[in-house]
Amino acid sequence: MNTLRKIVGFCWMLAAVLLTALIPYFAVSKLNASNAGAEDFVFWMVIVLIFIPIIIGFLLFGYYAFKGEYDERV
């Protein structure tokens, strides 16, 4: 079970890295479109600002799981 926790922790860290790369990429690509307006800008800024703490949480949770902080101690 501890090995599974470490694998899942690595997956959480990988998800955080992917989200860190993909969310700004999608935001910039949508905002650079010719039909992007003010409401698109507000929408993507809200999405980016909300996902920053979520990404940090994914990264911390994955790090601690990979490190073994959640291992069962008997």
PDB file of N, CA and C in Angstrom:
ATOM      1  N   MET A   1       0.823  -1.189   0.000  1.00  0.00           N
ATOM      2  CA  MET A   1       0.000   0.000   0.000  1.00  0.00           C
ATOM      3  C   MET A   1       0.872   1.261   0.000  1.00  0.00           C
ATOM      4  N   ASN A   2       1.994   1.195   0.706  1.00  0.00           N
ATOM      5  CA  ASN A   2       2.889   2.348   0.748  1.00  0.00           C
ATOM      6  C   ASN A   2       3.492   2.625  -0.623  1.00  0.00           C
ATOM      7  N   THR A   3       3.768   1.562  -1.374  1.00  0.00           N
ATOM      8  CA  THR A   3       4.289   1.744  -2.731  1.00  0.00           C
ATOM      9  C   THR A   3       3.251   2.407  -3.619  1.00  0.00           C
ATOM     10  N   LEU A   4       2.009   2.013  -3.452  1.00  0.00           N
ATOM     11  CA  LEU A   4       0.931   2.630  -4.222  1.00  0.00           C
ATOM     12  C   LEU A   4       0.812   4.117  -3.884  1.00  0.00           C
ATOM     13  N   ARG A   5       0.959   4.456  -2.615  1.00  0.00           N
ATOM     14  CA  ARG A   5       0.911   5.869  -2.216  1.00  0.00           C
ATOM     15  C   ARG A   5       2.039   6.666  -2.862  1.00  0.00           C
ATOM     16  N   LYS A   6       3.202   6.072  -2.960  1.00  0.00           N
ATOM     17  CA  LYS A   6       4.327   6.770  -3.586  1.00  0.00           C
ATOM     18  C   LYS A   6       4.095   6.953  -5.081  1.00  0.00           C
ATOM     19  N   ILE A   7       3.526   5.968  -5.734  1.00  0.00           N
ATOM     20  CA  ILE A   7       3.229   6.077  -7.159  1.00  0.00           C
ATOM     21  C   ILE A   7       2.173   7.152  -7.401  1.00  0.00           C
ATOM     22  N   VAL A   8       1.133   7.140  -6.595  1.00  0.00           N
ATOM     23  CA  VAL A   8       0.071   8.143  -6.732  1.00  0.00           C
ATOM     24  C   VAL A   8       0.606   9.538  -6.392  1.00  0.00           C
ATOM     25  N   GLY A   9       1.510   9.626  -5.420  1.00  0.00           N
ATOM     26  CA  GLY A   9       2.140  10.900  -5.105  1.00  0.00           C
ATOM     27  C   GLY A   9       2.923  11.446  -6.283  1.00  0.00           C
ATOM     28  N   PHE A  10       3.640  10.567  -6.974  1.00  0.00           N
ATOM     29  CA  PHE A  10       4.357  10.992  -8.176  1.00  0.00           C
ATOM     30  C   PHE A  10       3.378  11.455  -9.248  1.00  0.00           C
ATOM     31  N   CYS A  11       2.244  10.775  -9.374  1.00  0.00           N
ATOM     32  CA  CYS A  11       1.220  11.184 -10.356  1.00  0.00           C
ATOM     33  C   CYS A  11       0.655  12.561 -10.014  1.00  0.00           C
ATOM     34  N   TRP A  12       0.450  12.853  -8.726  1.00  0.00           N
ATOM     35  CA  TRP A  12      -0.031  14.178  -8.313  1.00  0.00           C
ATOM     36  C   TRP A  12       0.981  15.255  -8.667  1.00  0.00           C
ATOM     37  N   MET A  13       2.265  14.961  -8.438  1.00  0.00           N
ATOM     38  CA  MET A  13       3.293  15.938  -8.788  1.00  0.00           C
ATOM     39  C   MET A  13       3.355  16.149 -10.296  1.00  0.00           C
ATOM     40  N   LEU A  14       3.214  15.080 -11.045  1.00  0.00           N
ATOM     41  CA  LEU A  14       3.202  15.185 -12.503  1.00  0.00           C
ATOM     42  C   LEU A  14       1.992  15.982 -12.978  1.00  0.00           C
ATOM     43  N   ALA A  15       0.837  15.765 -12.354  1.00  0.00           N
ATOM     44  CA  ALA A  15      -0.363  16.530 -12.703  1.00  0.00           C
ATOM     45  C   ALA A  15      -0.162  18.014 -12.416  1.00  0.00           C
ATOM     46  N   ALA A  16       0.509  18.335 -11.315  1.00  0.00           N
ATOM     47  CA  ALA A  16       0.766  19.738 -10.990  1.00  0.00           C
ATOM     48  C   ALA A  16       1.661  20.386 -12.030  1.00  0.00           C
ATOM     49  N   VAL A  17       2.676  19.676 -12.472  1.00  0.00           N
ATOM     50  CA  VAL A  17       3.579  20.224 -13.480  1.00  0.00           C
ATOM     51  C   VAL A  17       2.842  20.405 -14.803  1.00  0.00           C
ATOM     52  N   LEU A  18       2.028  19.434 -15.176  1.00  0.00           N
ATOM     53  CA  LEU A  18       1.273  19.553 -16.426  1.00  0.00           C
ATOM     54  C   LEU A  18       0.272  20.701 -16.371  1.00  0.00           C
ATOM     55  N   LEU A  19      -0.419  20.850 -15.258  1.00  0.00           N
ATOM     56  CA  LEU A  19      -1.360  21.964 -15.115  1.00  0.00           C
ATOM     57  C   LEU A  19      -0.646  23.309 -15.131  1.00  0.00           C
ATOM     58  N   THR A  20       0.543  23.347 -14.535  1.00  0.00           N
ATOM     59  CA  THR A  20       1.318  24.583 -14.540  1.00  0.00           C
ATOM     60  C   THR A  20       1.680  24.993 -15.960  1.00  0.00           C
ATOM     61  N   ALA A  21       1.907  24.034 -16.825  1.00  0.00           N
ATOM     62  CA  ALA A  21       2.260  24.344 -18.209  1.00  0.00           C
ATOM     63  C   ALA A  21       1.027  24.579 -19.079  1.00  0.00           C
ATOM     64  N   LEU A  22      -0.009  23.792 -18.883  1.00  0.00           N
ATOM     65  CA  LEU A  22      -1.147  23.829 -19.796  1.00  0.00           C
ATOM     66  C   LEU A  22      -2.117  24.981 -19.558  1.00  0.00           C
ATOM     67  N   ILE A  23      -2.370  25.332 -18.319  1.00  0.00           N
ATOM     68  CA  ILE A  23      -3.347  26.392 -18.053  1.00  0.00           C
ATOM     69  C   ILE A  23      -2.896  27.733 -18.625  1.00  0.00           C
ATOM     70  N   PRO A  24      -1.665  28.173 -18.380  1.00  0.00           N
ATOM     71  CA  PRO A  24      -1.253  29.435 -19.020  1.00  0.00           C
ATOM     72  C   PRO A  24      -1.206  29.339 -20.545  1.00  0.00           C
ATOM     73  N   TYR A  25      -0.842  28.176 -21.072  1.00  0.00           N
ATOM     74  CA  TYR A  25      -0.814  28.001 -22.524  1.00  0.00           C
ATOM     75  C   TYR A  25      -2.203  28.199 -23.121  1.00  0.00           C
ATOM     76  N   PHE A  26      -3.199  27.557 -22.533  1.00  0.00           N
ATOM     77  CA  PHE A  26      -4.563  27.707 -23.045  1.00  0.00           C
ATOM     78  C   PHE A  26      -5.076  29.128 -22.856  1.00  0.00           C
ATOM     79  N   ALA A  27      -4.733  29.740 -21.732  1.00  0.00           N
ATOM     80  CA  ALA A  27      -5.173  31.116 -21.488  1.00  0.00           C
ATOM     81  C   ALA A  27      -4.589  32.059 -22.530  1.00  0.00           C
ATOM     82  N   VAL A  28      -3.306  31.949 -22.782  1.00  0.00           N
ATOM     83  CA  VAL A  28      -2.667  32.834 -23.762  1.00  0.00           C
ATOM     84  C   VAL A  28      -3.187  32.568 -25.162  1.00  0.00           C
ATOM     85  N   SER A  29      -3.379  31.301 -25.502  1.00  0.00           N
ATOM     86  CA  SER A  29      -3.873  31.002 -26.847  1.00  0.00           C
ATOM     87  C   SER A  29      -5.301  31.515 -27.050  1.00  0.00           C
ATOM     88  N   LYS A  30      -6.135  31.447 -26.039  1.00  0.00           N
ATOM     89  CA  LYS A  30      -7.498  31.970 -26.155  1.00  0.00           C
ATOM     90  C   LYS A  30      -7.517  33.494 -26.169  1.00  0.00           C
ATOM     91  N   LEU A  31      -6.626  34.117 -25.389  1.00  0.00           N
ATOM     92  CA  LEU A  31      -6.611  35.580 -25.324  1.00  0.00           C
ATOM     93  C   LEU A  31      -5.961  36.209 -26.552  1.00  0.00           C
ATOM     94  N   ASN A  32      -5.128  35.462 -27.270  1.00  0.00           N
ATOM     95  CA  ASN A  32      -4.518  35.983 -28.492  1.00  0.00           C
ATOM     96  C   ASN A  32      -5.411  35.822 -29.716  1.00  0.00           C
ATOM     97  N   ALA A  33      -6.542  35.172 -29.554  1.00  0.00           N
ATOM     98  CA  ALA A  33      -7.467  35.002 -30.674  1.00  0.00           C
ATOM     99  C   ALA A  33      -8.039  36.363 -31.076  1.00  0.00           C
ATOM    100  N   SER A  34      -8.420  36.460 -32.336  1.00  0.00           N
ATOM    101  CA  SER A  34      -8.911  37.745 -32.853  1.00  0.00           C
ATOM    102  C   SER A  34     -10.265  38.137 -32.255  1.00  0.00           C
ATOM    103  N   ASN A  35     -11.045  37.178 -31.817  1.00  0.00           N
ATOM    104  CA  ASN A  35     -12.368  37.492 -31.274  1.00  0.00           C
ATOM    105  C   ASN A  35     -12.394  37.508 -29.742  1.00  0.00           C
ATOM    106  N   ALA A  36     -11.225  37.591 -29.072  1.00  0.00           N
ATOM    107  CA  ALA A  36     -11.169  37.626 -27.612  1.00  0.00           C
ATOM    108  C   ALA A  36     -11.595  39.000 -27.116  1.00  0.00           C
ATOM    109  N   GLY A  37     -12.466  39.003 -26.128  1.00  0.00           N
ATOM    110  CA  GLY A  37     -12.956  40.258 -25.567  1.00  0.00           C
ATOM    111  C   GLY A  37     -12.598  40.386 -24.104  1.00  0.00           C
ATOM    112  N   ALA A  38     -13.164  41.380 -23.483  1.00  0.00           N
ATOM    113  CA  ALA A  38     -12.878  41.650 -22.068  1.00  0.00           C
ATOM    114  C   ALA A  38     -13.391  40.529 -21.179  1.00  0.00           C
ATOM    115  N   GLU A  39     -14.528  39.950 -21.530  1.00  0.00           N
ATOM    116  CA  GLU A  39     -15.053  38.876 -20.679  1.00  0.00           C
ATOM    117  C   GLU A  39     -14.193  37.625 -20.783  1.00  0.00           C
ATOM    118  N   ASP A  40     -13.552  37.385 -21.919  1.00  0.00           N
ATOM    119  CA  ASP A  40     -12.608  36.263 -22.029  1.00  0.00           C
ATOM    120  C   ASP A  40     -11.392  36.496 -21.133  1.00  0.00           C
ATOM    121  N   PHE A  41     -10.912  37.738 -21.114  1.00  0.00           N
ATOM    122  CA  PHE A  41      -9.774  38.075 -20.265  1.00  0.00           C
ATOM    123  C   PHE A  41     -10.108  37.836 -18.794  1.00  0.00           C
ATOM    124  N   VAL A  42     -11.269  38.295 -18.365  1.00  0.00           N
ATOM    125  CA  VAL A  42     -11.681  38.122 -16.970  1.00  0.00           C
ATOM    126  C   VAL A  42     -11.851  36.632 -16.647  1.00  0.00           C
ATOM    127  N   PHE A  43     -12.475  35.898 -17.548  1.00  0.00           N
ATOM    128  CA  PHE A  43     -12.680  34.465 -17.333  1.00  0.00           C
ATOM    129  C   PHE A  43     -11.355  33.743 -17.126  1.00  0.00           C
ATOM    130  N   TRP A  44     -10.386  33.982 -18.005  1.00  0.00           N
ATOM    131  CA  TRP A  44      -9.122  33.258 -17.905  1.00  0.00           C
ATOM    132  C   TRP A  44      -8.289  33.719 -16.722  1.00  0.00           C
ATOM    133  N   MET A  45      -8.385  34.970 -16.344  1.00  0.00           N
ATOM    134  CA  MET A  45      -7.662  35.422 -15.159  1.00  0.00           C
ATOM    135  C   MET A  45      -8.236  34.769 -13.900  1.00  0.00           C
ATOM    136  N   VAL A  46      -9.550  34.625 -13.836  1.00  0.00           N
ATOM    137  CA  VAL A  46     -10.179  33.947 -12.701  1.00  0.00           C
ATOM    138  C   VAL A  46      -9.755  32.483 -12.668  1.00  0.00           C
ATOM    139  N   ILE A  47      -9.768  31.819 -13.814  1.00  0.00           N
ATOM    140  CA  ILE A  47      -9.358  30.411 -13.879  1.00  0.00           C
ATOM    141  C   ILE A  47      -7.919  30.254 -13.411  1.00  0.00           C
ATOM    142  N   VAL A  48      -7.034  31.090 -13.909  1.00  0.00           N
ATOM    143  CA  VAL A  48      -5.619  30.989 -13.530  1.00  0.00           C
ATOM    144  C   VAL A  48      -5.449  31.263 -12.039  1.00  0.00           C
ATOM    145  N   LEU A  49      -6.100  32.287 -11.516  1.00  0.00           N
ATOM    146  CA  LEU A  49      -5.950  32.618 -10.098  1.00  0.00           C
ATOM    147  C   LEU A  49      -6.541  31.555  -9.176  1.00  0.00           C
ATOM    148  N   ILE A  50      -7.596  30.898  -9.605  1.00  0.00           N
ATOM    149  CA  ILE A  50      -8.183  29.839  -8.782  1.00  0.00           C
ATOM    150  C   ILE A  50      -7.327  28.582  -8.816  1.00  0.00           C
ATOM    151  N   PHE A  51      -6.740  28.284  -9.961  1.00  0.00           N
ATOM    152  CA  PHE A  51      -5.975  27.048 -10.079  1.00  0.00           C
ATOM    153  C   PHE A  51      -4.575  27.132  -9.488  1.00  0.00           C
ATOM    154  N   ILE A  52      -4.044  28.320  -9.229  1.00  0.00           N
ATOM    155  CA  ILE A  52      -2.706  28.421  -8.634  1.00  0.00           C
ATOM    156  C   ILE A  52      -2.650  27.729  -7.269  1.00  0.00           C
ATOM    157  N   PRO A  53      -3.568  28.007  -6.320  1.00  0.00           N
ATOM    158  CA  PRO A  53      -3.498  27.280  -5.041  1.00  0.00           C
ATOM    159  C   PRO A  53      -3.784  25.780  -5.185  1.00  0.00           C
ATOM    160  N   ILE A  54      -4.637  25.418  -6.132  1.00  0.00           N
ATOM    161  CA  ILE A  54      -4.919  24.001  -6.349  1.00  0.00           C
ATOM    162  C   ILE A  54      -3.668  23.282  -6.842  1.00  0.00           C
ATOM    163  N   ILE A  55      -2.936  23.912  -7.751  1.00  0.00           N
ATOM    164  CA  ILE A  55      -1.705  23.322  -8.262  1.00  0.00           C
ATOM    165  C   ILE A  55      -0.665  23.199  -7.153  1.00  0.00           C
ATOM    166  N   ILE A  56      -0.564  24.210  -6.311  1.00  0.00           N
ATOM    167  CA  ILE A  56       0.379  24.148  -5.188  1.00  0.00           C
ATOM    168  C   ILE A  56      -0.003  23.012  -4.246  1.00  0.00           C
ATOM    169  N   GLY A  57      -1.305  22.839  -4.013  1.00  0.00           N
ATOM    170  CA  GLY A  57      -1.771  21.739  -3.175  1.00  0.00           C
ATOM    171  C   GLY A  57      -1.458  20.382  -3.780  1.00  0.00           C
ATOM    172  N   PHE A  58      -1.668  20.239  -5.090  1.00  0.00           N
ATOM    173  CA  PHE A  58      -1.308  18.993  -5.775  1.00  0.00           C
ATOM    174  C   PHE A  58       0.172  18.689  -5.594  1.00  0.00           C
ATOM    175  N   LEU A  59       0.995  19.711  -5.775  1.00  0.00           N
ATOM    176  CA  LEU A  59       2.430  19.517  -5.689  1.00  0.00           C
ATOM    177  C   LEU A  59       2.852  19.134  -4.271  1.00  0.00           C
ATOM    178  N   LEU A  60       2.328  19.818  -3.267  1.00  0.00           N
ATOM    179  CA  LEU A  60       2.689  19.500  -1.874  1.00  0.00           C
ATOM    180  C   LEU A  60       2.180  18.122  -1.461  1.00  0.00           C
ATOM    181  N   PHE A  61       0.947  17.816  -1.802  1.00  0.00           N
ATOM    182  CA  PHE A  61       0.395  16.514  -1.449  1.00  0.00           C
ATOM    183  C   PHE A  61       1.180  15.395  -2.125  1.00  0.00           C
ATOM    184  N   GLY A  62       1.497  15.579  -3.389  1.00  0.00           N
ATOM    185  CA  GLY A  62       2.279  14.572  -4.103  1.00  0.00           C
ATOM    186  C   GLY A  62       3.674  14.417  -3.534  1.00  0.00           C
ATOM    187  N   TYR A  63       4.293  15.537  -3.176  1.00  0.00           N
ATOM    188  CA  TYR A  63       5.639  15.483  -2.599  1.00  0.00           C
ATOM    189  C   TYR A  63       5.638  14.713  -1.285  1.00  0.00           C
ATOM    190  N   TYR A  64       4.688  15.028  -0.418  1.00  0.00           N
ATOM    191  CA  TYR A  64       4.639  14.340   0.870  1.00  0.00           C
ATOM    192  C   TYR A  64       4.267  12.868   0.712  1.00  0.00           C
ATOM    193  N   ALA A  65       3.410  12.553  -0.229  1.00  0.00           N
ATOM    194  CA  ALA A  65       3.071  11.147  -0.463  1.00  0.00           C
ATOM    195  C   ALA A  65       4.274  10.401  -1.038  1.00  0.00           C
ATOM    196  N   PHE A  66       4.983  11.028  -1.954  1.00  0.00           N
ATOM    197  CA  PHE A  66       6.164  10.400  -2.553  1.00  0.00           C
ATOM    198  C   PHE A  66       7.287  10.252  -1.527  1.00  0.00           C
ATOM    199  N   LYS A  67       7.399  11.208  -0.642  1.00  0.00           N
ATOM    200  CA  LYS A  67       8.428  11.186   0.398  1.00  0.00           C
ATOM    201  C   LYS A  67       8.143  10.114   1.443  1.00  0.00           C
ATOM    202  N   GLY A  68       6.869   9.738   1.608  1.00  0.00           N
ATOM    203  CA  GLY A  68       6.520   8.696   2.568  1.00  0.00           C
ATOM    204  C   GLY A  68       5.924   9.218   3.849  1.00  0.00           C
ATOM    205  N   GLU A  69       5.471  10.451   3.854  1.00  0.00           N
ATOM    206  CA  GLU A  69       4.889  11.025   5.069  1.00  0.00           C
ATOM    207  C   GLU A  69       3.554  10.382   5.433  1.00  0.00           C
ATOM    208  N   TYR A  70       2.870   9.793   4.470  1.00  0.00           N
ATOM    209  CA  TYR A  70       1.570   9.184   4.718  1.00  0.00           C
ATOM    210  C   TYR A  70       1.656   7.674   4.893  1.00  0.00           C
ATOM    211  N   ASP A  71       2.858   7.144   5.017  1.00  0.00           N
ATOM    212  CA  ASP A  71       3.017   5.711   5.208  1.00  0.00           C
ATOM    213  C   ASP A  71       2.414   5.289   6.538  1.00  0.00           C
ATOM    214  N   GLU A  72       1.898   4.079   6.534  1.00  0.00           N
ATOM    215  CA  GLU A  72       1.309   3.553   7.762  1.00  0.00           C
ATOM    216  C   GLU A  72       2.420   3.161   8.727  1.00  0.00           C
ATOM    217  N   ARG A  73       2.309   3.662   9.924  1.00  0.00           N
ATOM    218  CA  ARG A  73       3.289   3.331  10.948  1.00  0.00           C
ATOM    219  C   ARG A  73       2.596   2.494  12.027  1.00  0.00           C
ATOM    220  N   VAL A  74       3.172   1.356  12.308  1.00  0.00           N
ATOM    221  CA  VAL A  74       2.564   0.437  13.265  1.00  0.00           C
ATOM    222  C   VAL A  74       3.307   0.463  14.560  1.00  0.00           C
TER     223      VAL A  74
END
